[in-house]
Amino acid sequence: MFIYRNKAALRFIETLENKAYYFGDFDLYGIKIYLQEIEPRNSKIPFFIPKNIEYFIKKYGHEKLYQKQYESTKNLNPDDHGLKNLITIIHKHQKSLKQEFFINL
């Protein structure tokens, strides 16, 4: 599992052959980063989505973050069913959640 932090990470993921997951923010920007930066460089790396993500977004998500990101990312349309579902959840609750939330659980 890895978190994208800089361009060096992009070069690294291009070489990965092991099983890996992208652990990004559970917000529209996080999905956009994955679709534009991660997936094109290594399509074998899925976006990690916890099974109970809707509960966490509903209960602990941030409305202001969602509103800030909405206009520039409202038309995201990934092929991946899991990402489509995550986008639906984010729009349904109009909230976003940063991955750092899970560090404190």
PDB file of N, CA and C in Angstrom:
ATOM      1  N   MET A   1       0.854  -1.162   0.000  1.00  0.00           N
ATOM      2  CA  MET A   1       0.000   0.000   0.000  1.00  0.00           C
ATOM      3  C   MET A   1       0.900   1.225   0.000  1.00  0.00           C
ATOM      4  N   PHE A   2       0.531   2.216  -0.775  1.00  0.00           N
ATOM      5  CA  PHE A   2       1.335   3.426  -0.792  1.00  0.00           C
ATOM      6  C   PHE A   2       0.458   4.660  -0.916  1.00  0.00           C
ATOM      7  N   ILE A   3       1.010   5.769  -0.501  1.00  0.00           N
ATOM      8  CA  ILE A   3       0.374   7.075  -0.577  1.00  0.00           C
ATOM      9  C   ILE A   3       1.199   7.916  -1.535  1.00  0.00           C
ATOM     10  N   TYR A   4       0.546   8.534  -2.476  1.00  0.00           N
ATOM     11  CA  TYR A   4       1.231   9.385  -3.448  1.00  0.00           C
ATOM     12  C   TYR A   4       1.585  10.714  -2.786  1.00  0.00           C
ATOM     13  N   ARG A   5       2.852  11.048  -2.761  1.00  0.00           N
ATOM     14  CA  ARG A   5       3.300  12.293  -2.136  1.00  0.00           C
ATOM     15  C   ARG A   5       4.101  13.194  -3.067  1.00  0.00           C
ATOM     16  N   ASN A   6       4.762  12.604  -4.065  1.00  0.00           N
ATOM     17  CA  ASN A   6       5.593  13.429  -4.942  1.00  0.00           C
ATOM     18  C   ASN A   6       5.845  12.704  -6.263  1.00  0.00           C
ATOM     19  N   LYS A   7       6.491  13.384  -7.183  1.00  0.00           N
ATOM     20  CA  LYS A   7       6.738  12.819  -8.517  1.00  0.00           C
ATOM     21  C   LYS A   7       7.664  11.598  -8.475  1.00  0.00           C
ATOM     22  N   ALA A   8       8.534  11.505  -7.479  1.00  0.00           N
ATOM     23  CA  ALA A   8       9.407  10.333  -7.359  1.00  0.00           C
ATOM     24  C   ALA A   8       8.572   9.071  -7.159  1.00  0.00           C
ATOM     25  N   ALA A   9       7.467   9.206  -6.450  1.00  0.00           N
ATOM     26  CA  ALA A   9       6.580   8.058  -6.242  1.00  0.00           C
ATOM     27  C   ALA A   9       6.002   7.575  -7.568  1.00  0.00           C
ATOM     28  N   LEU A  10       5.752   8.489  -8.481  1.00  0.00           N
ATOM     29  CA  LEU A  10       5.218   8.096  -9.791  1.00  0.00           C
ATOM     30  C   LEU A  10       6.215   7.244 -10.561  1.00  0.00           C
ATOM     31  N   ARG A  11       7.483   7.633 -10.508  1.00  0.00           N
ATOM     32  CA  ARG A  11       8.518   6.827 -11.177  1.00  0.00           C
ATOM     33  C   ARG A  11       8.617   5.452 -10.523  1.00  0.00           C
ATOM     34  N   PHE A  12       8.485   5.418  -9.208  1.00  0.00           N
ATOM     35  CA  PHE A  12       8.551   4.162  -8.471  1.00  0.00           C
ATOM     36  C   PHE A  12       7.405   3.225  -8.859  1.00  0.00           C
ATOM     37  N   ILE A  13       6.186   3.723  -8.931  1.00  0.00           N
ATOM     38  CA  ILE A  13       5.061   2.833  -9.216  1.00  0.00           C
ATOM     39  C   ILE A  13       5.107   2.270 -10.636  1.00  0.00           C
ATOM     40  N   GLU A  14       5.781   2.964 -11.528  1.00  0.00           N
ATOM     41  CA  GLU A  14       5.922   2.439 -12.887  1.00  0.00           C
ATOM     42  C   GLU A  14       6.722   1.136 -12.900  1.00  0.00           C
ATOM     43  N   THR A  15       7.553   0.940 -11.909  1.00  0.00           N
ATOM     44  CA  THR A  15       8.411  -0.247 -11.856  1.00  0.00           C
ATOM     45  C   THR A  15       7.835  -1.362 -10.990  1.00  0.00           C
ATOM     46  N   LEU A  16       6.763  -1.107 -10.254  1.00  0.00           N
ATOM     47  CA  LEU A  16       6.210  -2.104  -9.333  1.00  0.00           C
ATOM     48  C   LEU A  16       5.664  -3.312 -10.070  1.00  0.00           C
ATOM     49  N   GLU A  17       6.058  -4.460  -9.590  1.00  0.00           N
ATOM     50  CA  GLU A  17       5.513  -5.706 -10.115  1.00  0.00           C
ATOM     51  C   GLU A  17       4.737  -6.451  -9.034  1.00  0.00           C
ATOM     52  N   ASN A  18       4.989  -6.102  -7.775  1.00  0.00           N
ATOM     53  CA  ASN A  18       4.287  -6.723  -6.653  1.00  0.00           C
ATOM     54  C   ASN A  18       2.862  -6.183  -6.572  1.00  0.00           C
ATOM     55  N   LYS A  19       2.031  -6.876  -5.811  1.00  0.00           N
ATOM     56  CA  LYS A  19       0.667  -6.413  -5.547  1.00  0.00           C
ATOM     57  C   LYS A  19       0.760  -5.171  -4.677  1.00  0.00           C
ATOM     58  N   ALA A  20       0.097  -4.108  -5.069  1.00  0.00           N
ATOM     59  CA  ALA A  20       0.106  -2.857  -4.324  1.00  0.00           C
ATOM     60  C   ALA A  20      -1.267  -2.208  -4.444  1.00  0.00           C
ATOM     61  N   TYR A  21      -1.589  -1.362  -3.490  1.00  0.00           N
ATOM     62  CA  TYR A  21      -2.841  -0.606  -3.494  1.00  0.00           C
ATOM     63  C   TYR A  21      -2.521   0.866  -3.314  1.00  0.00           C
ATOM     64  N   TYR A  22      -3.284   1.700  -3.979  1.00  0.00           N
ATOM     65  CA  TYR A  22      -3.167   3.140  -3.800  1.00  0.00           C
ATOM     66  C   TYR A  22      -4.061   3.538  -2.638  1.00  0.00           C
ATOM     67  N   PHE A  23      -3.490   4.180  -1.632  1.00  0.00           N
ATOM     68  CA  PHE A  23      -4.233   4.637  -0.459  1.00  0.00           C
ATOM     69  C   PHE A  23      -4.306   6.154  -0.529  1.00  0.00           C
ATOM     70  N   GLY A  24      -5.349   6.631  -1.188  1.00  0.00           N
ATOM     71  CA  GLY A  24      -5.505   8.067  -1.385  1.00  0.00           C
ATOM     72  C   GLY A  24      -6.622   8.625  -0.543  1.00  0.00           C
ATOM     73  N   ASP A  25      -6.832   9.911  -0.697  1.00  0.00           N
ATOM     74  CA  ASP A  25      -7.954  10.552  -0.014  1.00  0.00           C
ATOM     75  C   ASP A  25      -9.256  10.040  -0.609  1.00  0.00           C
ATOM     76  N   PHE A  26     -10.266   9.939   0.218  1.00  0.00           N
ATOM     77  CA  PHE A  26     -11.578   9.500  -0.215  1.00  0.00           C
ATOM     78  C   PHE A  26     -12.407  10.742  -0.527  1.00  0.00           C
ATOM     79  N   ASP A  27     -11.913  11.442  -1.528  1.00  0.00           N
ATOM     80  CA  ASP A  27     -12.554  12.655  -2.011  1.00  0.00           C
ATOM     81  C   ASP A  27     -12.395  12.718  -3.523  1.00  0.00           C
ATOM     82  N   LEU A  28     -13.025  13.685  -4.134  1.00  0.00           N
ATOM     83  CA  LEU A  28     -13.017  13.773  -5.593  1.00  0.00           C
ATOM     84  C   LEU A  28     -11.619  14.044  -6.136  1.00  0.00           C
ATOM     85  N   TYR A  29     -10.816  14.851  -5.436  1.00  0.00           N
ATOM     86  CA  TYR A  29      -9.439  15.096  -5.877  1.00  0.00           C
ATOM     87  C   TYR A  29      -8.596  13.821  -5.791  1.00  0.00           C
ATOM     88  N   GLY A  30      -8.795  13.058  -4.720  1.00  0.00           N
ATOM     89  CA  GLY A  30      -8.055  11.801  -4.569  1.00  0.00           C
ATOM     90  C   GLY A  30      -8.342  10.846  -5.721  1.00  0.00           C
ATOM     91  N   ILE A  31      -9.592  10.786  -6.131  1.00  0.00           N
ATOM     92  CA  ILE A  31      -9.968   9.939  -7.259  1.00  0.00           C
ATOM     93  C   ILE A  31      -9.378  10.492  -8.553  1.00  0.00           C
ATOM     94  N   LYS A  32      -9.429  11.800  -8.708  1.00  0.00           N
ATOM     95  CA  LYS A  32      -8.866  12.442  -9.910  1.00  0.00           C
ATOM     96  C   LYS A  32      -7.359  12.180 -10.008  1.00  0.00           C
ATOM     97  N   ILE A  33      -6.644  12.307  -8.898  1.00  0.00           N
ATOM     98  CA  ILE A  33      -5.205  12.022  -8.880  1.00  0.00           C
ATOM     99  C   ILE A  33      -4.956  10.577  -9.302  1.00  0.00           C
ATOM    100  N   TYR A  34      -5.726   9.674  -8.736  1.00  0.00           N
ATOM    101  CA  TYR A  34      -5.565   8.263  -9.097  1.00  0.00           C
ATOM    102  C   TYR A  34      -5.778   8.058 -10.596  1.00  0.00           C
ATOM    103  N   LEU A  35      -6.853   8.602 -11.133  1.00  0.00           N
ATOM    104  CA  LEU A  35      -7.186   8.392 -12.542  1.00  0.00           C
ATOM    105  C   LEU A  35      -6.186   9.040 -13.496  1.00  0.00           C
ATOM    106  N   GLN A  36      -5.620  10.172 -13.094  1.00  0.00           N
ATOM    107  CA  GLN A  36      -4.708  10.897 -13.986  1.00  0.00           C
ATOM    108  C   GLN A  36      -3.238  10.559 -13.775  1.00  0.00           C
ATOM    109  N   GLU A  37      -2.861  10.197 -12.556  1.00  0.00           N
ATOM    110  CA  GLU A  37      -1.446  10.011 -12.233  1.00  0.00           C
ATOM    111  C   GLU A  37      -1.039   8.562 -11.965  1.00  0.00           C
ATOM    112  N   ILE A  38      -1.874   7.815 -11.286  1.00  0.00           N
ATOM    113  CA  ILE A  38      -1.498   6.461 -10.845  1.00  0.00           C
ATOM    114  C   ILE A  38      -1.893   5.403 -11.878  1.00  0.00           C
ATOM    115  N   GLU A  39      -3.164   5.318 -12.184  1.00  0.00           N
ATOM    116  CA  GLU A  39      -3.655   4.275 -13.076  1.00  0.00           C
ATOM    117  C   GLU A  39      -2.970   4.271 -14.452  1.00  0.00           C
ATOM    118  N   PRO A  40      -2.720   5.422 -15.065  1.00  0.00           N
ATOM    119  CA  PRO A  40      -2.037   5.385 -16.369  1.00  0.00           C
ATOM    120  C   PRO A  40      -0.605   4.840 -16.296  1.00  0.00           C
ATOM    121  N   ARG A  41       0.028   4.942 -15.140  1.00  0.00           N
ATOM    122  CA  ARG A  41       1.410   4.479 -14.993  1.00  0.00           C
ATOM    123  C   ARG A  41       1.498   3.008 -14.601  1.00  0.00           C
ATOM    124  N   ASN A  42       0.459   2.512 -13.941  1.00  0.00           N
ATOM    125  CA  ASN A  42       0.448   1.095 -13.560  1.00  0.00           C
ATOM    126  C   ASN A  42      -1.004   0.688 -13.302  1.00  0.00           C
ATOM    127  N   SER A  43      -1.627   0.139 -14.306  1.00  0.00           N
ATOM    128  CA  SER A  43      -3.048  -0.214 -14.219  1.00  0.00           C
ATOM    129  C   SER A  43      -3.318  -1.400 -13.286  1.00  0.00           C
ATOM    130  N   LYS A  44      -2.269  -2.036 -12.787  1.00  0.00           N
ATOM    131  CA  LYS A  44      -2.439  -3.161 -11.859  1.00  0.00           C
ATOM    132  C   LYS A  44      -2.641  -2.695 -10.422  1.00  0.00           C
ATOM    133  N   ILE A  45      -2.482  -1.396 -10.168  1.00  0.00           N
ATOM    134  CA  ILE A  45      -2.609  -0.861  -8.811  1.00  0.00           C
ATOM    135  C   ILE A  45      -4.028  -0.333  -8.608  1.00  0.00           C
ATOM    136  N   PRO A  46      -4.839  -1.048  -7.809  1.00  0.00           N
ATOM    137  CA  PRO A  46      -6.199  -0.560  -7.560  1.00  0.00           C
ATOM    138  C   PRO A  46      -6.227   0.511  -6.465  1.00  0.00           C
ATOM    139  N   PHE A  47      -7.276   1.289  -6.477  1.00  0.00           N
ATOM    140  CA  PHE A  47      -7.552   2.299  -5.452  1.00  0.00           C
ATOM    141  C   PHE A  47      -8.131   1.551  -4.252  1.00  0.00           C
ATOM    142  N   PHE A  48      -7.488   1.651  -3.093  1.00  0.00           N
ATOM    143  CA  PHE A  48      -7.964   0.956  -1.895  1.00  0.00           C
ATOM    144  C   PHE A  48      -9.202   1.665  -1.356  1.00  0.00           C
ATOM    145  N   ILE A  49     -10.301   0.909  -1.232  1.00  0.00           N
ATOM    146  CA  ILE A  49     -11.550   1.448  -0.693  1.00  0.00           C
ATOM    147  C   ILE A  49     -12.032   0.515   0.413  1.00  0.00           C
ATOM    148  N   PRO A  50     -12.021   0.980   1.674  1.00  0.00           N
ATOM    149  CA  PRO A  50     -12.520   0.133   2.765  1.00  0.00           C
ATOM    150  C   PRO A  50     -13.986  -0.248   2.539  1.00  0.00           C
ATOM    151  N   LYS A  51     -14.367  -1.431   2.976  1.00  0.00           N
ATOM    152  CA  LYS A  51     -15.740  -1.906   2.779  1.00  0.00           C
ATOM    153  C   LYS A  51     -16.772  -0.998   3.443  1.00  0.00           C
ATOM    154  N   ASN A  52     -16.429  -0.394   4.559  1.00  0.00           N
ATOM    155  CA  ASN A  52     -17.374   0.444   5.295  1.00  0.00           C
ATOM    156  C   ASN A  52     -17.123   1.940   5.066  1.00  0.00           C
ATOM    157  N   ILE A  53     -16.625   2.297   3.888  1.00  0.00           N
ATOM    158  CA  ILE A  53     -16.277   3.688   3.615  1.00  0.00           C
ATOM    159  C   ILE A  53     -17.491   4.610   3.701  1.00  0.00           C
ATOM    160  N   GLU A  54     -18.660   4.133   3.331  1.00  0.00           N
ATOM    161  CA  GLU A  54     -19.834   5.017   3.397  1.00  0.00           C
ATOM    162  C   GLU A  54     -20.119   5.451   4.833  1.00  0.00           C
ATOM    163  N   TYR A  55     -19.994   4.540   5.770  1.00  0.00           N
ATOM    164  CA  TYR A  55     -20.191   4.891   7.180  1.00  0.00           C
ATOM    165  C   TYR A  55     -19.220   5.997   7.602  1.00  0.00           C
ATOM    166  N   PHE A  56     -17.953   5.841   7.271  1.00  0.00           N
ATOM    167  CA  PHE A  56     -16.943   6.819   7.673  1.00  0.00           C
ATOM    168  C   PHE A  56     -17.151   8.177   6.997  1.00  0.00           C
ATOM    169  N   ILE A  57     -17.496   8.157   5.718  1.00  0.00           N
ATOM    170  CA  ILE A  57     -17.745   9.426   5.024  1.00  0.00           C
ATOM    171  C   ILE A  57     -18.967  10.117   5.607  1.00  0.00           C
ATOM    172  N   LYS A  58     -20.030   9.361   5.820  1.00  0.00           N
ATOM    173  CA  LYS A  58     -21.263   9.936   6.373  1.00  0.00           C
ATOM    174  C   LYS A  58     -21.041  10.525   7.758  1.00  0.00           C
ATOM    175  N   LYS A  59     -20.340   9.792   8.598  1.00  0.00           N
ATOM    176  CA  LYS A  59     -20.174  10.207   9.997  1.00  0.00           C
ATOM    177  C   LYS A  59     -19.050  11.220  10.202  1.00  0.00           C
ATOM    178  N   TYR A  60     -17.941  11.087   9.486  1.00  0.00           N
ATOM    179  CA  TYR A  60     -16.753  11.901   9.754  1.00  0.00           C
ATOM    180  C   TYR A  60     -16.303  12.776   8.576  1.00  0.00           C
ATOM    181  N   GLY A  61     -17.018  12.699   7.467  1.00  0.00           N
ATOM    182  CA  GLY A  61     -16.616  13.455   6.285  1.00  0.00           C
ATOM    183  C   GLY A  61     -16.757  14.959   6.455  1.00  0.00           C
ATOM    184  N   HIS A  62     -16.156  15.686   5.523  1.00  0.00           N
ATOM    185  CA  HIS A  62     -16.129  17.153   5.573  1.00  0.00           C
ATOM    186  C   HIS A  62     -16.914  17.730   4.400  1.00  0.00           C
ATOM    187  N   GLU A  63     -17.942  18.505   4.715  1.00  0.00           N
ATOM    188  CA  GLU A  63     -18.765  19.122   3.681  1.00  0.00           C
ATOM    189  C   GLU A  63     -18.001  20.212   2.928  1.00  0.00           C
ATOM    190  N   LYS A  64     -17.225  21.017   3.637  1.00  0.00           N
ATOM    191  CA  LYS A  64     -16.503  22.123   2.990  1.00  0.00           C
ATOM    192  C   LYS A  64     -15.498  21.603   1.968  1.00  0.00           C
ATOM    193  N   LEU A  65     -14.833  20.512   2.293  1.00  0.00           N
ATOM    194  CA  LEU A  65     -13.880  19.919   1.355  1.00  0.00           C
ATOM    195  C   LEU A  65     -14.605  19.450   0.089  1.00  0.00           C
ATOM    196  N   TYR A  66     -15.732  18.813   0.271  1.00  0.00           N
ATOM    197  CA  TYR A  66     -16.530  18.371  -0.876  1.00  0.00           C
ATOM    198  C   TYR A  66     -16.920  19.574  -1.734  1.00  0.00           C
ATOM    199  N   GLN A  67     -17.446  20.600  -1.110  1.00  0.00           N
ATOM    200  CA  GLN A  67     -17.902  21.782  -1.843  1.00  0.00           C
ATOM    201  C   GLN A  67     -16.758  22.461  -2.584  1.00  0.00           C
ATOM    202  N   LYS A  68     -15.591  22.499  -1.975  1.00  0.00           N
ATOM    203  CA  LYS A  68     -14.413  23.113  -2.590  1.00  0.00           C
ATOM    204  C   LYS A  68     -13.995  22.361  -3.860  1.00  0.00           C
ATOM    205  N   GLN A  69     -14.132  21.063  -3.853  1.00  0.00           N
ATOM    206  CA  GLN A  69     -13.666  20.229  -4.957  1.00  0.00           C
ATOM    207  C   GLN A  69     -14.724  19.969  -6.021  1.00  0.00           C
ATOM    208  N   TYR A  70     -15.964  20.155  -5.686  1.00  0.00           N
ATOM    209  CA  TYR A  70     -17.062  19.716  -6.539  1.00  0.00           C
ATOM    210  C   TYR A  70     -16.990  20.254  -7.966  1.00  0.00           C
ATOM    211  N   GLU A  71     -16.888  21.543  -8.130  1.00  0.00           N
ATOM    212  CA  GLU A  71     -16.999  22.150  -9.457  1.00  0.00           C
ATOM    213  C   GLU A  71     -15.956  21.622 -10.442  1.00  0.00           C
ATOM    214  N   SER A  72     -14.731  21.444  -9.982  1.00  0.00           N
ATOM    215  CA  SER A  72     -13.666  21.019 -10.899  1.00  0.00           C
ATOM    216  C   SER A  72     -13.586  19.500 -11.083  1.00  0.00           C
ATOM    217  N   THR A  73     -14.384  18.742 -10.340  1.00  0.00           N
ATOM    218  CA  THR A  73     -14.296  17.277 -10.423  1.00  0.00           C
ATOM    219  C   THR A  73     -15.655  16.601 -10.564  1.00  0.00           C
ATOM    220  N   LYS A  74     -16.701  17.348 -10.751  1.00  0.00           N
ATOM    221  CA  LYS A  74     -18.054  16.776 -10.737  1.00  0.00           C
ATOM    222  C   LYS A  74     -18.313  15.784 -11.867  1.00  0.00           C
ATOM    223  N   ASN A  75     -17.531  15.823 -12.927  1.00  0.00           N
ATOM    224  CA  ASN A  75     -17.769  14.953 -14.073  1.00  0.00           C
ATOM    225  C   ASN A  75     -16.830  13.751 -14.153  1.00  0.00           C
ATOM    226  N   LEU A  76     -16.217  13.370 -13.041  1.00  0.00           N
ATOM    227  CA  LEU A  76     -15.372  12.179 -13.049  1.00  0.00           C
ATOM    228  C   LEU A  76     -16.210  10.966 -13.444  1.00  0.00           C
ATOM    229  N   ASN A  77     -15.685  10.144 -14.337  1.00  0.00           N
ATOM    230  CA  ASN A  77     -16.432   8.973 -14.787  1.00  0.00           C
ATOM    231  C   ASN A  77     -15.479   7.800 -15.030  1.00  0.00           C
ATOM    232  N   PRO A  78     -15.003   7.174 -13.953  1.00  0.00           N
ATOM    233  CA  PRO A  78     -14.068   6.055 -14.118  1.00  0.00           C
ATOM    234  C   PRO A  78     -14.772   4.806 -14.636  1.00  0.00           C
ATOM    235  N   ASP A  79     -13.991   3.907 -15.203  1.00  0.00           N
ATOM    236  CA  ASP A  79     -14.520   2.611 -15.654  1.00  0.00           C
ATOM    237  C   ASP A  79     -14.725   1.658 -14.477  1.00  0.00           C
ATOM    238  N   ASP A  80     -13.911   1.813 -13.441  1.00  0.00           N
ATOM    239  CA  ASP A  80     -13.913   0.911 -12.291  1.00  0.00           C
ATOM    240  C   ASP A  80     -15.200   1.044 -11.474  1.00  0.00           C
ATOM    241  N   HIS A  81     -15.869  -0.085 -11.235  1.00  0.00           N
ATOM    242  CA  HIS A  81     -17.124  -0.094 -10.480  1.00  0.00           C
ATOM    243  C   HIS A  81     -16.943   0.426  -9.049  1.00  0.00           C
ATOM    244  N   GLY A  82     -15.853   0.038  -8.392  1.00  0.00           N
ATOM    245  CA  GLY A  82     -15.601   0.483  -7.023  1.00  0.00           C
ATOM    246  C   GLY A  82     -15.444   1.997  -6.929  1.00  0.00           C
ATOM    247  N   LEU A  83     -14.737   2.578  -7.888  1.00  0.00           N
ATOM    248  CA  LEU A  83     -14.573   4.032  -7.900  1.00  0.00           C
ATOM    249  C   LEU A  83     -15.882   4.734  -8.225  1.00  0.00           C
ATOM    250  N   LYS A  84     -16.668   4.165  -9.130  1.00  0.00           N
ATOM    251  CA  LYS A  84     -17.986   4.748  -9.428  1.00  0.00           C
ATOM    252  C   LYS A  84     -18.839   4.767  -8.167  1.00  0.00           C
ATOM    253  N   ASN A  85     -18.793   3.663  -7.413  1.00  0.00           N
ATOM    254  CA  ASN A  85     -19.559   3.577  -6.175  1.00  0.00           C
ATOM    255  C   ASN A  85     -19.057   4.604  -5.151  1.00  0.00           C
ATOM    256  N   LEU A  86     -17.742   4.765  -5.041  1.00  0.00           N
ATOM    257  CA  LEU A  86     -17.184   5.749  -4.118  1.00  0.00           C
ATOM    258  C   LEU A  86     -17.635   7.160  -4.495  1.00  0.00           C
ATOM    259  N   ILE A  87     -17.625   7.478  -5.766  1.00  0.00           N
ATOM    260  CA  ILE A  87     -18.091   8.796  -6.219  1.00  0.00           C
ATOM    261  C   ILE A  87     -19.567   8.985  -5.870  1.00  0.00           C
ATOM    262  N   THR A  88     -20.363   7.953  -6.063  1.00  0.00           N
ATOM    263  CA  THR A  88     -21.792   8.020  -5.716  1.00  0.00           C
ATOM    264  C   THR A  88     -21.968   8.307  -4.231  1.00  0.00           C
ATOM    265  N   ILE A  89     -21.195   7.632  -3.391  1.00  0.00           N
ATOM    266  CA  ILE A  89     -21.263   7.841  -1.933  1.00  0.00           C
ATOM    267  C   ILE A  89     -20.871   9.277  -1.581  1.00  0.00           C
ATOM    268  N   ILE A  90     -19.798   9.762  -2.170  1.00  0.00           N
ATOM    269  CA  ILE A  90     -19.327  11.118  -1.895  1.00  0.00           C
ATOM    270  C   ILE A  90     -20.397  12.137  -2.288  1.00  0.00           C
ATOM    271  N   HIS A  91     -20.994  11.978  -3.465  1.00  0.00           N
ATOM    272  CA  HIS A  91     -22.049  12.903  -3.904  1.00  0.00           C
ATOM    273  C   HIS A  91     -23.311  12.762  -3.049  1.00  0.00           C
ATOM    274  N   LYS A  92     -23.644  11.546  -2.683  1.00  0.00           N
ATOM    275  CA  LYS A  92     -24.846  11.302  -1.878  1.00  0.00           C
ATOM    276  C   LYS A  92     -24.789  12.055  -0.553  1.00  0.00           C
ATOM    277  N   HIS A  93     -23.637  12.002   0.111  1.00  0.00           N
ATOM    278  CA  HIS A  93     -23.503  12.635   1.424  1.00  0.00           C
ATOM    279  C   HIS A  93     -22.906  14.038   1.337  1.00  0.00           C
ATOM    280  N   GLN A  94     -22.438  14.407   0.137  1.00  0.00           N
ATOM    281  CA  GLN A  94     -21.787  15.697  -0.095  1.00  0.00           C
ATOM    282  C   GLN A  94     -20.697  15.947   0.955  1.00  0.00           C
ATOM    283  N   LYS A  95     -19.878  14.897   1.136  1.00  0.00           N
ATOM    284  CA  LYS A  95     -18.772  14.933   2.094  1.00  0.00           C
ATOM    285  C   LYS A  95     -17.581  14.201   1.519  1.00  0.00           C
ATOM    286  N   SER A  96     -16.399  14.572   1.992  1.00  0.00           N
ATOM    287  CA  SER A  96     -15.138  13.933   1.610  1.00  0.00           C
ATOM    288  C   SER A  96     -14.364  13.575   2.862  1.00  0.00           C
ATOM    289  N   LEU A  97     -13.424  12.635   2.715  1.00  0.00           N
ATOM    290  CA  LEU A  97     -12.651  12.168   3.857  1.00  0.00           C
ATOM    291  C   LEU A  97     -11.196  11.982   3.450  1.00  0.00           C
ATOM    292  N   LYS A  98     -10.296  12.569   4.207  1.00  0.00           N
ATOM    293  CA  LYS A  98      -8.855  12.407   3.957  1.00  0.00           C
ATOM    294  C   LYS A  98      -8.379  11.059   4.492  1.00  0.00           C
ATOM    295  N   GLN A  99      -7.360  10.486   3.859  1.00  0.00           N
ATOM    296  CA  GLN A  99      -6.850   9.190   4.309  1.00  0.00           C
ATOM    297  C   GLN A  99      -6.246   9.274   5.708  1.00  0.00           C
ATOM    298  N   GLU A 100      -5.769  10.435   6.107  1.00  0.00           N
ATOM    299  CA  GLU A 100      -5.167  10.582   7.437  1.00  0.00           C
ATOM    300  C   GLU A 100      -6.155  10.261   8.554  1.00  0.00           C
ATOM    301  N   PHE A 101      -7.446  10.333   8.274  1.00  0.00           N
ATOM    302  CA  PHE A 101      -8.466   9.981   9.262  1.00  0.00           C
ATOM    303  C   PHE A 101      -8.211   8.580   9.819  1.00  0.00           C
ATOM    304  N   PHE A 102      -7.807   7.650   8.976  1.00  0.00           N
ATOM    305  CA  PHE A 102      -7.646   6.255   9.384  1.00  0.00           C
ATOM    306  C   PHE A 102      -6.407   6.024  10.250  1.00  0.00           C
ATOM    307  N   ILE A 103      -5.497   6.953  10.279  1.00  0.00           N
ATOM    308  CA  ILE A 103      -4.311   6.825  11.133  1.00  0.00           C
ATOM    309  C   ILE A 103      -4.702   6.871  12.608  1.00  0.00           C
ATOM    310  N   ASN A 104      -5.748   7.618  12.918  1.00  0.00           N
ATOM    311  CA  ASN A 104      -6.157   7.818  14.313  1.00  0.00           C
ATOM    312  C   ASN A 104      -7.184   6.817  14.811  1.00  0.00           C
ATOM    313  N   LEU A 105      -7.559   5.839  14.014  1.00  0.00           N
ATOM    314  CA  LEU A 105      -8.568   4.848  14.457  1.00  0.00           C
ATOM    315  C   LEU A 105      -7.999   3.878  15.443  1.00  0.00           C
TER     316      LEU A 105
END
